[in-house]
Amino acid sequence: QVQLVESGGGLVQPGGSLRLSCAASGSIFSINTMRWHRQAPGKQRELVAAIARGGSTNYADSVKGRFTISRDNAKNTVYLQMNSLKPEDTAVYYCYANVNPGGLGWDGYWGQGTQVTVSS
C-alpha cells in the first residue's frame, strides 16, 4: 500500500504565502512524476504544477511566477511554495504521484487533499 499525506494548507490573506508538503509512504520502489492539482467549488480538478524525478517542472499559466514545485527524492516528498496568493487560488489542493511499488509496475496515487483559502 502507498499513502500520500498532504499538509500545510490553511487560511491566508491575499498576497500571502503558504507551503504545501506531500509525503509518500508505504511500499515504494521508485517515484516518477509528482504533481499538484486543485479543485475549487463547482469546478473541475486542474493541474497546478508537475515535477519529474530529475527535476524538470511545468506549471499552469495561472500560477507561473508565483508558485514553485520542488521535491526531495530521499524523503519521497513533494512541495508547493505558493507566493502572492490570490482569492482565486482558493481550492482543495491534491498531490499525485506515479509510483512503482515494489518494482512491479507503475500506478497513480492521490492524497486526501488540503484546503487553501485566500481571503481577507
PDB file of N, CA and C in Angstrom:
ATOM      1  N   GLN A   1       0.835  -1.199   0.000  1.00  0.00           N
ATOM      2  CA  GLN A   1       0.000   0.000   0.000  1.00  0.00           C
ATOM      3  C   GLN A   1       0.869   1.248   0.000  1.00  0.00           C
ATOM      4  N   VAL A   2       0.416   2.233  -0.755  1.00  0.00           N
ATOM      5  CA  VAL A   2       1.096   3.525  -0.817  1.00  0.00           C
ATOM      6  C   VAL A   2       0.130   4.592  -0.333  1.00  0.00           C
ATOM      7  N   GLN A   3       0.607   5.468   0.513  1.00  0.00           N
ATOM      8  CA  GLN A   3      -0.208   6.585   1.004  1.00  0.00           C
ATOM      9  C   GLN A   3       0.493   7.906   0.728  1.00  0.00           C
ATOM     10  N   LEU A   4      -0.307   8.908   0.360  1.00  0.00           N
ATOM     11  CA  LEU A   4       0.184  10.273   0.202  1.00  0.00           C
ATOM     12  C   LEU A   4      -0.537  11.136   1.226  1.00  0.00           C
ATOM     13  N   VAL A   5       0.217  11.880   2.002  1.00  0.00           N
ATOM     14  CA  VAL A   5      -0.373  12.721   3.037  1.00  0.00           C
ATOM     15  C   VAL A   5       0.084  14.157   2.831  1.00  0.00           C
ATOM     16  N   GLU A   6      -0.908  15.043   2.571  1.00  0.00           N
ATOM     17  CA  GLU A   6      -0.613  16.457   2.377  1.00  0.00           C
ATOM     18  C   GLU A   6      -0.691  17.209   3.700  1.00  0.00           C
ATOM     19  N   SER A   7       0.013  18.316   3.775  1.00  0.00           N
ATOM     20  CA  SER A   7      -0.062  19.205   4.925  1.00  0.00           C
ATOM     21  C   SER A   7       0.310  20.616   4.492  1.00  0.00           C
ATOM     22  N   GLY A   8      -0.025  21.588   5.330  1.00  0.00           N
ATOM     23  CA  GLY A   8       0.394  22.960   5.075  1.00  0.00           C
ATOM     24  C   GLY A   8      -0.693  23.902   4.597  1.00  0.00           C
ATOM     25  N   GLY A   9      -1.888  23.390   4.372  1.00  0.00           N
ATOM     26  CA  GLY A   9      -2.971  24.269   3.949  1.00  0.00           C
ATOM     27  C   GLY A   9      -3.443  25.167   5.085  1.00  0.00           C
ATOM     28  N   GLY A  10      -4.334  26.088   4.752  1.00  0.00           N
ATOM     29  CA  GLY A  10      -4.867  26.980   5.776  1.00  0.00           C
ATOM     30  C   GLY A  10      -5.467  28.229   5.180  1.00  0.00           C
ATOM     31  N   LEU A  11      -5.716  29.191   6.045  1.00  0.00           N
ATOM     32  CA  LEU A  11      -6.291  30.483   5.659  1.00  0.00           C
ATOM     33  C   LEU A  11      -5.173  31.522   5.591  1.00  0.00           C
ATOM     34  N   VAL A  12      -5.130  32.268   4.495  1.00  0.00           N
ATOM     35  CA  VAL A  12      -4.093  33.283   4.320  1.00  0.00           C
ATOM     36  C   VAL A  12      -4.711  34.487   3.631  1.00  0.00           C
ATOM     37  N   GLN A  13      -4.184  35.656   3.907  1.00  0.00           N
ATOM     38  CA  GLN A  13      -4.675  36.879   3.274  1.00  0.00           C
ATOM     39  C   GLN A  13      -4.126  37.005   1.857  1.00  0.00           C
ATOM     40  N   PRO A  14      -4.833  37.699   0.987  1.00  0.00           N
ATOM     41  CA  PRO A  14      -4.301  37.947  -0.356  1.00  0.00           C
ATOM     42  C   PRO A  14      -2.908  38.562  -0.289  1.00  0.00           C
ATOM     43  N   GLY A  15      -2.029  38.053  -1.152  1.00  0.00           N
ATOM     44  CA  GLY A  15      -0.640  38.494  -1.152  1.00  0.00           C
ATOM     45  C   GLY A  15       0.256  37.676  -0.256  1.00  0.00           C
ATOM     46  N   GLY A  16      -0.331  36.808   0.553  1.00  0.00           N
ATOM     47  CA  GLY A  16       0.436  35.997   1.478  1.00  0.00           C
ATOM     48  C   GLY A  16       1.024  34.752   0.825  1.00  0.00           C
ATOM     49  N   SER A  17       1.654  33.923   1.661  1.00  0.00           N
ATOM     50  CA  SER A  17       2.341  32.718   1.184  1.00  0.00           C
ATOM     51  C   SER A  17       1.960  31.515   2.029  1.00  0.00           C
ATOM     52  N   LEU A  18       2.015  30.366   1.399  1.00  0.00           N
ATOM     53  CA  LEU A  18       1.854  29.076   2.066  1.00  0.00           C
ATOM     54  C   LEU A  18       2.794  28.079   1.410  1.00  0.00           C
ATOM     55  N   ARG A  19       3.192  27.079   2.186  1.00  0.00           N
ATOM     56  CA  ARG A  19       3.994  25.984   1.632  1.00  0.00           C
ATOM     57  C   ARG A  19       3.293  24.671   1.919  1.00  0.00           C
ATOM     58  N   LEU A  20       2.932  23.969   0.855  1.00  0.00           N
ATOM     59  CA  LEU A  20       2.307  22.655   0.990  1.00  0.00           C
ATOM     60  C   LEU A  20       3.370  21.566   0.893  1.00  0.00           C
ATOM     61  N   SER A  21       3.137  20.499   1.635  1.00  0.00           N
ATOM     62  CA  SER A  21       4.000  19.328   1.575  1.00  0.00           C
ATOM     63  C   SER A  21       3.154  18.094   1.319  1.00  0.00           C
ATOM     64  N   CYS A  22       3.739  17.111   0.662  1.00  0.00           N
ATOM     65  CA  CYS A  22       3.056  15.834   0.423  1.00  0.00           C
ATOM     66  C   CYS A  22       4.097  14.734   0.535  1.00  0.00           C
ATOM     67  N   ALA A  23       3.926  13.882   1.536  1.00  0.00           N
ATOM     68  CA  ALA A  23       4.866  12.797   1.777  1.00  0.00           C
ATOM     69  C   ALA A  23       4.255  11.471   1.377  1.00  0.00           C
ATOM     70  N   ALA A  24       4.987  10.708   0.589  1.00  0.00           N
ATOM     71  CA  ALA A  24       4.559   9.372   0.195  1.00  0.00           C
ATOM     72  C   ALA A  24       5.204   8.342   1.108  1.00  0.00           C
ATOM     73  N   SER A  25       4.415   7.338   1.505  1.00  0.00           N
ATOM     74  CA  SER A  25       4.934   6.297   2.375  1.00  0.00           C
ATOM     75  C   SER A  25       4.348   4.954   1.975  1.00  0.00           C
ATOM     76  N   GLY A  26       4.952   3.895   2.505  1.00  0.00           N
ATOM     77  CA  GLY A  26       4.476   2.554   2.190  1.00  0.00           C
ATOM     78  C   GLY A  26       5.492   1.797   1.367  1.00  0.00           C
ATOM     79  N   SER A  27       4.990   0.864   0.575  1.00  0.00           N
ATOM     80  CA  SER A  27       5.846   0.031  -0.256  1.00  0.00           C
ATOM     81  C   SER A  27       6.197   0.785  -1.534  1.00  0.00           C
ATOM     82  N   ILE A  28       7.344   1.455  -1.542  1.00  0.00           N
ATOM     83  CA  ILE A  28       7.732   2.305  -2.663  1.00  0.00           C
ATOM     84  C   ILE A  28       9.086   1.885  -3.193  1.00  0.00           C
ATOM     85  N   PHE A  29       9.113   1.468  -4.459  1.00  0.00           N
ATOM     86  CA  PHE A  29      10.380   1.147  -5.112  1.00  0.00           C
ATOM     87  C   PHE A  29      10.955   2.389  -5.769  1.00  0.00           C
ATOM     88  N   SER A  30      10.077   3.151  -6.424  1.00  0.00           N
ATOM     89  CA  SER A  30      10.515   4.381  -7.096  1.00  0.00           C
ATOM     90  C   SER A  30       9.309   5.268  -7.339  1.00  0.00           C
ATOM     91  N   ILE A  31       9.549   6.580  -7.421  1.00  0.00           N
ATOM     92  CA  ILE A  31       8.503   7.535  -7.754  1.00  0.00           C
ATOM     93  C   ILE A  31       8.944   8.322  -8.974  1.00  0.00           C
ATOM     94  N   ASN A  32       8.068   8.386  -9.966  1.00  0.00           N
ATOM     95  CA  ASN A  32       8.369   9.137 -11.175  1.00  0.00           C
ATOM     96  C   ASN A  32       7.802  10.550 -11.016  1.00  0.00           C
ATOM     97  N   THR A  33       6.846  10.905 -11.816  1.00  0.00           N
ATOM     98  CA  THR A  33       6.281  12.250 -11.752  1.00  0.00           C
ATOM     99  C   THR A  33       5.487  12.468 -10.470  1.00  0.00           C
ATOM    100  N   MET A  34       5.618  13.672  -9.914  1.00  0.00           N
ATOM    101  CA  MET A  34       4.784  14.107  -8.795  1.00  0.00           C
ATOM    102  C   MET A  34       4.108  15.407  -9.218  1.00  0.00           C
ATOM    103  N   ARG A  35       2.848  15.570  -8.832  1.00  0.00           N
ATOM    104  CA  ARG A  35       2.087  16.717  -9.296  1.00  0.00           C
ATOM    105  C   ARG A  35       1.226  17.292  -8.174  1.00  0.00           C
ATOM    106  N   TRP A  36       0.859  18.532  -8.327  1.00  0.00           N
ATOM    107  CA  TRP A  36      -0.150  19.178  -7.501  1.00  0.00           C
ATOM    108  C   TRP A  36      -1.310  19.571  -8.406  1.00  0.00           C
ATOM    109  N   HIS A  37      -2.502  19.242  -7.944  1.00  0.00           N
ATOM    110  CA  HIS A  37      -3.740  19.630  -8.605  1.00  0.00           C
ATOM    111  C   HIS A  37      -4.573  20.413  -7.598  1.00  0.00           C
ATOM    112  N   ARG A  38      -5.578  21.096  -8.090  1.00  0.00           N
ATOM    113  CA  ARG A  38      -6.505  21.771  -7.174  1.00  0.00           C
ATOM    114  C   ARG A  38      -7.916  21.727  -7.746  1.00  0.00           C
ATOM    115  N   GLN A  39      -8.870  21.815  -6.830  1.00  0.00           N
ATOM    116  CA  GLN A  39     -10.278  21.813  -7.231  1.00  0.00           C
ATOM    117  C   GLN A  39     -11.027  22.832  -6.398  1.00  0.00           C
ATOM    118  N   ALA A  40     -11.564  23.843  -7.073  1.00  0.00           N
ATOM    119  CA  ALA A  40     -12.368  24.862  -6.424  1.00  0.00           C
ATOM    120  C   ALA A  40     -13.831  24.422  -6.463  1.00  0.00           C
ATOM    121  N   PRO A  41     -14.657  24.944  -5.573  1.00  0.00           N
ATOM    122  CA  PRO A  41     -16.077  24.563  -5.547  1.00  0.00           C
ATOM    123  C   PRO A  41     -16.733  24.796  -6.894  1.00  0.00           C
ATOM    124  N   GLY A  42     -17.432  23.779  -7.395  1.00  0.00           N
ATOM    125  CA  GLY A  42     -18.146  23.901  -8.651  1.00  0.00           C
ATOM    126  C   GLY A  42     -17.280  23.827  -9.890  1.00  0.00           C
ATOM    127  N   LYS A  43     -15.989  23.554  -9.727  1.00  0.00           N
ATOM    128  CA  LYS A  43     -15.087  23.497 -10.866  1.00  0.00           C
ATOM    129  C   LYS A  43     -14.416  22.140 -10.954  1.00  0.00           C
ATOM    130  N   GLN A  44     -13.877  21.841 -12.130  1.00  0.00           N
ATOM    131  CA  GLN A  44     -13.155  20.587 -12.310  1.00  0.00           C
ATOM    132  C   GLN A  44     -11.765  20.680 -11.677  1.00  0.00           C
ATOM    133  N   ARG A  45     -11.235  19.515 -11.322  1.00  0.00           N
ATOM    134  CA  ARG A  45      -9.873  19.471 -10.805  1.00  0.00           C
ATOM    135  C   ARG A  45      -8.913  19.866 -11.926  1.00  0.00           C
ATOM    136  N   GLU A  46      -7.938  20.703 -11.601  1.00  0.00           N
ATOM    137  CA  GLU A  46      -6.994  21.167 -12.607  1.00  0.00           C
ATOM    138  C   GLU A  46      -5.556  20.962 -12.141  1.00  0.00           C
ATOM    139  N   LEU A  47      -4.669  20.788 -13.107  1.00  0.00           N
ATOM    140  CA  LEU A  47      -3.247  20.644 -12.817  1.00  0.00           C
ATOM    141  C   LEU A  47      -2.675  22.001 -12.459  1.00  0.00           C
ATOM    142  N   VAL A  48      -1.913  22.043 -11.368  1.00  0.00           N
ATOM    143  CA  VAL A  48      -1.250  23.269 -10.950  1.00  0.00           C
ATOM    144  C   VAL A  48       0.223  23.247 -11.347  1.00  0.00           C
ATOM    145  N   ALA A  49       0.910  22.145 -10.987  1.00  0.00           N
ATOM    146  CA  ALA A  49       2.343  22.051 -11.264  1.00  0.00           C
ATOM    147  C   ALA A  49       2.751  20.588 -11.240  1.00  0.00           C
ATOM    148  N   ALA A  50       3.818  20.282 -11.973  1.00  0.00           N
ATOM    149  CA  ALA A  50       4.331  18.924 -12.031  1.00  0.00           C
ATOM    150  C   ALA A  50       5.852  18.961 -12.006  1.00  0.00           C
ATOM    151  N   ILE A  51       6.429  17.883 -11.468  1.00  0.00           N
ATOM    152  CA  ILE A  51       7.894  17.784 -11.418  1.00  0.00           C
ATOM    153  C   ILE A  51       8.297  16.341 -11.681  1.00  0.00           C
ATOM    154  N   ALA A  52       9.239  16.172 -12.589  1.00  0.00           N
ATOM    155  CA  ALA A  52       9.761  14.851 -12.898  1.00  0.00           C
ATOM    156  C   ALA A  52      10.813  14.455 -11.864  1.00  0.00           C
ATOM    157  N   ARG A  53      11.168  13.168 -11.867  1.00  0.00           N
ATOM    158  CA  ARG A  53      12.151  12.702 -10.892  1.00  0.00           C
ATOM    159  C   ARG A  53      13.474  13.466 -11.024  1.00  0.00           C
ATOM    160  N   GLY A  54      13.809  13.815 -12.255  1.00  0.00           N
ATOM    161  CA  GLY A  54      15.065  14.519 -12.497  1.00  0.00           C
ATOM    162  C   GLY A  54      15.005  16.001 -12.189  1.00  0.00           C
ATOM    163  N   GLY A  55      13.797  16.514 -11.921  1.00  0.00           N
ATOM    164  CA  GLY A  55      13.666  17.902 -11.510  1.00  0.00           C
ATOM    165  C   GLY A  55      13.046  18.845 -12.516  1.00  0.00           C
ATOM    166  N   SER A  56      12.787  18.401 -13.733  1.00  0.00           N
ATOM    167  CA  SER A  56      12.151  19.302 -14.689  1.00  0.00           C
ATOM    168  C   SER A  56      10.717  19.578 -14.251  1.00  0.00           C
ATOM    169  N   THR A  57      10.258  20.795 -14.485  1.00  0.00           N
ATOM    170  CA  THR A  57       8.970  21.236 -13.963  1.00  0.00           C
ATOM    171  C   THR A  57       8.105  21.861 -15.051  1.00  0.00           C
ATOM    172  N   ASN A  58       6.807  21.881 -14.798  1.00  0.00           N
ATOM    173  CA  ASN A  58       5.915  22.690 -15.616  1.00  0.00           C
ATOM    174  C   ASN A  58       4.767  23.175 -14.748  1.00  0.00           C
ATOM    175  N   TYR A  59       4.184  24.298 -15.156  1.00  0.00           N
ATOM    176  CA  TYR A  59       3.188  24.991 -14.347  1.00  0.00           C
ATOM    177  C   TYR A  59       1.992  25.423 -15.187  1.00  0.00           C
ATOM    178  N   ALA A  60       0.847  25.509 -14.528  1.00  0.00           N
ATOM    179  CA  ALA A  60      -0.305  26.137 -15.154  1.00  0.00           C
ATOM    180  C   ALA A  60       0.006  27.622 -15.348  1.00  0.00           C
ATOM    181  N   ASP A  61      -0.511  28.205 -16.410  1.00  0.00           N
ATOM    182  CA  ASP A  61      -0.253  29.618 -16.694  1.00  0.00           C
ATOM    183  C   ASP A  61      -0.685  30.510 -15.530  1.00  0.00           C
ATOM    184  N   SER A  62      -1.746  30.113 -14.851  1.00  0.00           N
ATOM    185  CA  SER A  62      -2.308  30.952 -13.790  1.00  0.00           C
ATOM    186  C   SER A  62      -1.403  31.074 -12.565  1.00  0.00           C
ATOM    187  N   VAL A  63      -0.422  30.174 -12.444  1.00  0.00           N
ATOM    188  CA  VAL A  63       0.436  30.204 -11.246  1.00  0.00           C
ATOM    189  C   VAL A  63       1.903  30.472 -11.571  1.00  0.00           C
ATOM    190  N   LYS A  64       2.234  30.564 -12.853  1.00  0.00           N
ATOM    191  CA  LYS A  64       3.634  30.799 -13.235  1.00  0.00           C
ATOM    192  C   LYS A  64       4.156  32.085 -12.610  1.00  0.00           C
ATOM    193  N   GLY A  65       5.363  31.992 -12.056  1.00  0.00           N
ATOM    194  CA  GLY A  65       5.970  33.154 -11.426  1.00  0.00           C
ATOM    195  C   GLY A  65       5.566  33.347  -9.976  1.00  0.00           C
ATOM    196  N   ARG A  66       4.541  32.617  -9.530  1.00  0.00           N
ATOM    197  CA  ARG A  66       4.076  32.747  -8.131  1.00  0.00           C
ATOM    198  C   ARG A  66       4.281  31.463  -7.330  1.00  0.00           C
ATOM    199  N   PHE A  67       4.124  30.318  -7.987  1.00  0.00           N
ATOM    200  CA  PHE A  67       4.248  29.022  -7.313  1.00  0.00           C
ATOM    201  C   PHE A  67       5.533  28.331  -7.752  1.00  0.00           C
ATOM    202  N   THR A  68       6.117  27.562  -6.831  1.00  0.00           N
ATOM    203  CA  THR A  68       7.305  26.777  -7.142  1.00  0.00           C
ATOM    204  C   THR A  68       7.132  25.368  -6.602  1.00  0.00           C
ATOM    205  N   ILE A  69       7.261  24.380  -7.488  1.00  0.00           N
ATOM    206  CA  ILE A  69       7.206  22.984  -7.077  1.00  0.00           C
ATOM    207  C   ILE A  69       8.629  22.459  -6.923  1.00  0.00           C
ATOM    208  N   SER A  70       8.834  21.630  -5.907  1.00  0.00           N
ATOM    209  CA  SER A  70      10.144  21.011  -5.684  1.00  0.00           C
ATOM    210  C   SER A  70       9.916  19.646  -5.042  1.00  0.00           C
ATOM    211  N   ARG A  71      10.963  18.848  -4.975  1.00  0.00           N
ATOM    212  CA  ARG A  71      10.841  17.525  -4.378  1.00  0.00           C
ATOM    213  C   ARG A  71      12.134  17.114  -3.712  1.00  0.00           C
ATOM    214  N   ASP A  72      12.000  16.227  -2.742  1.00  0.00           N
ATOM    215  CA  ASP A  72      13.132  15.604  -2.068  1.00  0.00           C
ATOM    216  C   ASP A  72      12.991  14.108  -2.290  1.00  0.00           C
ATOM    217  N   ASN A  73      13.746  13.576  -3.217  1.00  0.00           N
ATOM    218  CA  ASN A  73      13.602  12.155  -3.571  1.00  0.00           C
ATOM    219  C   ASN A  73      13.976  11.239  -2.405  1.00  0.00           C
ATOM    220  N   ALA A  74      14.898  11.645  -1.577  1.00  0.00           N
ATOM    221  CA  ALA A  74      15.289  10.823  -0.432  1.00  0.00           C
ATOM    222  C   ALA A  74      14.159  10.689   0.580  1.00  0.00           C
ATOM    223  N   LYS A  75      13.298  11.705   0.630  1.00  0.00           N
ATOM    224  CA  LYS A  75      12.178  11.697   1.581  1.00  0.00           C
ATOM    225  C   LYS A  75      10.854  11.355   0.903  1.00  0.00           C
ATOM    226  N   ASN A  76      10.869  11.093  -0.409  1.00  0.00           N
ATOM    227  CA  ASN A  76       9.626  10.811  -1.147  1.00  0.00           C
ATOM    228  C   ASN A  76       8.589  11.904  -0.912  1.00  0.00           C
ATOM    229  N   THR A  77       9.025  13.134  -0.962  1.00  0.00           N
ATOM    230  CA  THR A  77       8.175  14.276  -0.624  1.00  0.00           C
ATOM    231  C   THR A  77       8.220  15.318  -1.739  1.00  0.00           C
ATOM    232  N   VAL A  78       7.049  15.892  -2.008  1.00  0.00           N
ATOM    233  CA  VAL A  78       6.939  16.994  -2.964  1.00  0.00           C
ATOM    234  C   VAL A  78       6.388  18.208  -2.222  1.00  0.00           C
ATOM    235  N   TYR A  79       6.839  19.373  -2.644  1.00  0.00           N
ATOM    236  CA  TYR A  79       6.450  20.624  -2.004  1.00  0.00           C
ATOM    237  C   TYR A  79       5.833  21.566  -3.041  1.00  0.00           C
ATOM    238  N   LEU A  80       5.015  22.485  -2.551  1.00  0.00           N
ATOM    239  CA  LEU A  80       4.497  23.559  -3.398  1.00  0.00           C
ATOM    240  C   LEU A  80       4.587  24.854  -2.604  1.00  0.00           C
ATOM    241  N   GLN A  81       5.527  25.700  -2.986  1.00  0.00           N
ATOM    242  CA  GLN A  81       5.647  27.024  -2.374  1.00  0.00           C
ATOM    243  C   GLN A  81       4.740  27.976  -3.148  1.00  0.00           C
ATOM    244  N   MET A  82       3.797  28.579  -2.438  1.00  0.00           N
ATOM    245  CA  MET A  82       2.813  29.456  -3.065  1.00  0.00           C
ATOM    246  C   MET A  82       2.982  30.869  -2.523  1.00  0.00           C
ATOM    247  N   ASN A  83       3.346  31.777  -3.399  1.00  0.00           N
ATOM    248  CA  ASN A  83       3.542  33.183  -3.033  1.00  0.00           C
ATOM    249  C   ASN A  83       2.523  34.051  -3.764  1.00  0.00           C
ATOM    250  N   SER A  84       2.380  35.275  -3.284  1.00  0.00           N
ATOM    251  CA  SER A  84       1.461  36.241  -3.912  1.00  0.00           C
ATOM    252  C   SER A  84       0.095  35.626  -4.145  1.00  0.00           C
ATOM    253  N   LEU A  85      -0.427  34.981  -3.132  1.00  0.00           N
ATOM    254  CA  LEU A  85      -1.693  34.260  -3.272  1.00  0.00           C
ATOM    255  C   LEU A  85      -2.848  35.205  -3.559  1.00  0.00           C
ATOM    256  N   LYS A  86      -3.784  34.711  -4.362  1.00  0.00           N
ATOM    257  CA  LYS A  86      -4.967  35.464  -4.765  1.00  0.00           C
ATOM    258  C   LYS A  86      -6.222  34.723  -4.315  1.00  0.00           C
ATOM    259  N   PRO A  87      -7.328  35.427  -4.157  1.00  0.00           N
ATOM    260  CA  PRO A  87      -8.569  34.727  -3.785  1.00  0.00           C
ATOM    261  C   PRO A  87      -8.919  33.597  -4.749  1.00  0.00           C
ATOM    262  N   GLU A  88      -8.595  33.735  -6.011  1.00  0.00           N
ATOM    263  CA  GLU A  88      -8.913  32.687  -6.980  1.00  0.00           C
ATOM    264  C   GLU A  88      -8.034  31.441  -6.833  1.00  0.00           C
ATOM    265  N   ASP A  89      -7.038  31.490  -5.951  1.00  0.00           N
ATOM    266  CA  ASP A  89      -6.256  30.293  -5.645  1.00  0.00           C
ATOM    267  C   ASP A  89      -6.948  29.420  -4.599  1.00  0.00           C
ATOM    268  N   THR A  90      -8.049  29.908  -4.042  1.00  0.00           N
ATOM    269  CA  THR A  90      -8.789  29.135  -3.048  1.00  0.00           C
ATOM    270  C   THR A  90      -9.303  27.839  -3.651  1.00  0.00           C
ATOM    271  N   ALA A  91      -8.961  26.723  -3.014  1.00  0.00           N
ATOM    272  CA  ALA A  91      -9.325  25.400  -3.531  1.00  0.00           C
ATOM    273  C   ALA A  91      -8.824  24.338  -2.558  1.00  0.00           C
ATOM    274  N   VAL A  92      -9.255  23.113  -2.806  1.00  0.00           N
ATOM    275  CA  VAL A  92      -8.625  21.965  -2.165  1.00  0.00           C
ATOM    276  C   VAL A  92      -7.473  21.531  -3.066  1.00  0.00           C
ATOM    277  N   TYR A  93      -6.299  21.406  -2.480  1.00  0.00           N
ATOM    278  CA  TYR A  93      -5.099  21.039  -3.228  1.00  0.00           C
ATOM    279  C   TYR A  93      -4.782  19.567  -2.976  1.00  0.00           C
ATOM    280  N   TYR A  94      -4.577  18.836  -4.061  1.00  0.00           N
ATOM    281  CA  TYR A  94      -4.301  17.409  -4.007  1.00  0.00           C
ATOM    282  C   TYR A  94      -2.924  17.126  -4.604  1.00  0.00           C
ATOM    283  N   CYS A  95      -2.188  16.230  -3.975  1.00  0.00           N
ATOM    284  CA  CYS A  95      -0.962  15.780  -4.618  1.00  0.00           C
ATOM    285  C   CYS A  95      -1.211  14.427  -5.284  1.00  0.00           C
ATOM    286  N   TYR A  96      -0.416  14.182  -6.285  1.00  0.00           N
ATOM    287  CA  TYR A  96      -0.486  12.946  -7.073  1.00  0.00           C
ATOM    288  C   TYR A  96       0.932  12.456  -7.296  1.00  0.00           C
ATOM    289  N   ALA A  97       1.113  11.144  -7.245  1.00  0.00           N
ATOM    290  CA  ALA A  97       2.427  10.573  -7.509  1.00  0.00           C
ATOM    291  C   ALA A  97       2.285   9.328  -8.365  1.00  0.00           C
ATOM    292  N   ASN A  98       3.177   9.205  -9.321  1.00  0.00           N
ATOM    293  CA  ASN A  98       3.261   8.000 -10.164  1.00  0.00           C
ATOM    294  C   ASN A  98       4.306   7.099  -9.520  1.00  0.00           C
ATOM    295  N   VAL A  99       3.830   6.020  -8.894  1.00  0.00           N
ATOM    296  CA  VAL A  99       4.677   5.216  -8.011  1.00  0.00           C
ATOM    297  C   VAL A  99       4.853   3.817  -8.553  1.00  0.00           C
ATOM    298  N   ASN A 100       6.041   3.298  -8.396  1.00  0.00           N
ATOM    299  CA  ASN A 100       6.323   1.890  -8.663  1.00  0.00           C
ATOM    300  C   ASN A 100       6.497   1.217  -7.305  1.00  0.00           C
ATOM    301  N   PRO A 101       5.444   0.543  -6.838  1.00  0.00           N
ATOM    302  CA  PRO A 101       5.535  -0.078  -5.521  1.00  0.00           C
ATOM    303  C   PRO A 101       6.156  -1.467  -5.624  1.00  0.00           C
ATOM    304  N   GLY A 102       7.309  -1.638  -5.075  1.00  0.00           N
ATOM    305  CA  GLY A 102       7.923  -2.955  -5.044  1.00  0.00           C
ATOM    306  C   GLY A 102       8.468  -3.452  -6.370  1.00  0.00           C
ATOM    307  N   GLY A 103       8.640  -2.551  -7.358  1.00  0.00           N
ATOM    308  CA  GLY A 103       9.226  -2.944  -8.620  1.00  0.00           C
ATOM    309  C   GLY A 103       8.301  -3.744  -9.528  1.00  0.00           C
ATOM    310  N   LEU A 104       6.963  -3.662  -9.291  1.00  0.00           N
ATOM    311  CA  LEU A 104       6.024  -4.497 -10.044  1.00  0.00           C
ATOM    312  C   LEU A 104       5.280  -3.739 -11.127  1.00  0.00           C
ATOM    313  N   GLY A 105       5.549  -2.464 -11.289  1.00  0.00           N
ATOM    314  CA  GLY A 105       4.826  -1.686 -12.280  1.00  0.00           C
ATOM    315  C   GLY A 105       4.418  -0.342 -11.700  1.00  0.00           C
ATOM    316  N   TRP A 106       3.849   0.528 -12.557  1.00  0.00           N
ATOM    317  CA  TRP A 106       3.547   1.890 -12.140  1.00  0.00           C
ATOM    318  C   TRP A 106       2.053   2.083 -11.919  1.00  0.00           C
ATOM    319  N   ASP A 107       1.725   2.834 -10.862  1.00  0.00           N
ATOM    320  CA  ASP A 107       0.338   3.190 -10.553  1.00  0.00           C
ATOM    321  C   ASP A 107       0.299   4.631 -10.079  1.00  0.00           C
ATOM    322  N   GLY A 108      -0.859   5.275 -10.253  1.00  0.00           N
ATOM    323  CA  GLY A 108      -1.056   6.630  -9.771  1.00  0.00           C
ATOM    324  C   GLY A 108      -1.757   6.637  -8.425  1.00  0.00           C
ATOM    325  N   TYR A 109      -1.307   7.506  -7.535  1.00  0.00           N
ATOM    326  CA  TYR A 109      -1.885   7.607  -6.193  1.00  0.00           C
ATOM    327  C   TYR A 109      -2.186   9.071  -5.885  1.00  0.00           C
ATOM    328  N   TRP A 110      -3.280   9.298  -5.166  1.00  0.00           N
ATOM    329  CA  TRP A 110      -3.713  10.634  -4.783  1.00  0.00           C
ATOM    330  C   TRP A 110      -3.691  10.788  -3.268  1.00  0.00           C
ATOM    331  N   GLY A 111      -3.398  12.007  -2.827  1.00  0.00           N
ATOM    332  CA  GLY A 111      -3.566  12.330  -1.431  1.00  0.00           C
ATOM    333  C   GLY A 111      -5.009  12.688  -1.129  1.00  0.00           C
ATOM    334  N   GLN A 112      -5.283  12.972   0.144  1.00  0.00           N
ATOM    335  CA  GLN A 112      -6.658  13.234   0.576  1.00  0.00           C
ATOM    336  C   GLN A 112      -7.064  14.686   0.361  1.00  0.00           C
ATOM    337  N   GLY A 113      -6.104  15.544   0.100  1.00  0.00           N
ATOM    338  CA  GLY A 113      -6.392  16.948  -0.150  1.00  0.00           C
ATOM    339  C   GLY A 113      -6.189  17.816   1.079  1.00  0.00           C
ATOM    340  N   THR A 114      -5.808  19.070   0.833  1.00  0.00           N
ATOM    341  CA  THR A 114      -5.666  20.042   1.910  1.00  0.00           C
ATOM    342  C   THR A 114      -6.284  21.369   1.445  1.00  0.00           C
ATOM    343  N   GLN A 115      -7.062  21.992   2.308  1.00  0.00           N
ATOM    344  CA  GLN A 115      -7.792  23.198   1.937  1.00  0.00           C
ATOM    345  C   GLN A 115      -6.884  24.421   2.008  1.00  0.00           C
ATOM    346  N   VAL A 116      -6.912  25.206   0.943  1.00  0.00           N
ATOM    347  CA  VAL A 116      -6.244  26.511   0.927  1.00  0.00           C
ATOM    348  C   VAL A 116      -7.318  27.574   0.700  1.00  0.00           C
ATOM    349  N   THR A 117      -7.406  28.524   1.602  1.00  0.00           N
ATOM    350  CA  THR A 117      -8.376  29.612   1.492  1.00  0.00           C
ATOM    351  C   THR A 117      -7.642  30.949   1.530  1.00  0.00           C
ATOM    352  N   VAL A 118      -7.857  31.735   0.498  1.00  0.00           N
ATOM    353  CA  VAL A 118      -7.222  33.054   0.401  1.00  0.00           C
ATOM    354  C   VAL A 118      -8.320  34.102   0.542  1.00  0.00           C
ATOM    355  N   SER A 119      -8.308  34.793   1.663  1.00  0.00           N
ATOM    356  CA  SER A 119      -9.390  35.745   1.948  1.00  0.00           C
ATOM    357  C   SER A 119      -8.924  36.767   2.975  1.00  0.00           C
ATOM    358  N   SER A 120      -9.438  37.960   2.842  1.00  0.00           N
ATOM    359  CA  SER A 120      -9.145  38.994   3.840  1.00  0.00           C
ATOM    360  C   SER A 120     -10.224  39.028   4.920  1.00  0.00           C
TER     361      SER A 120
END
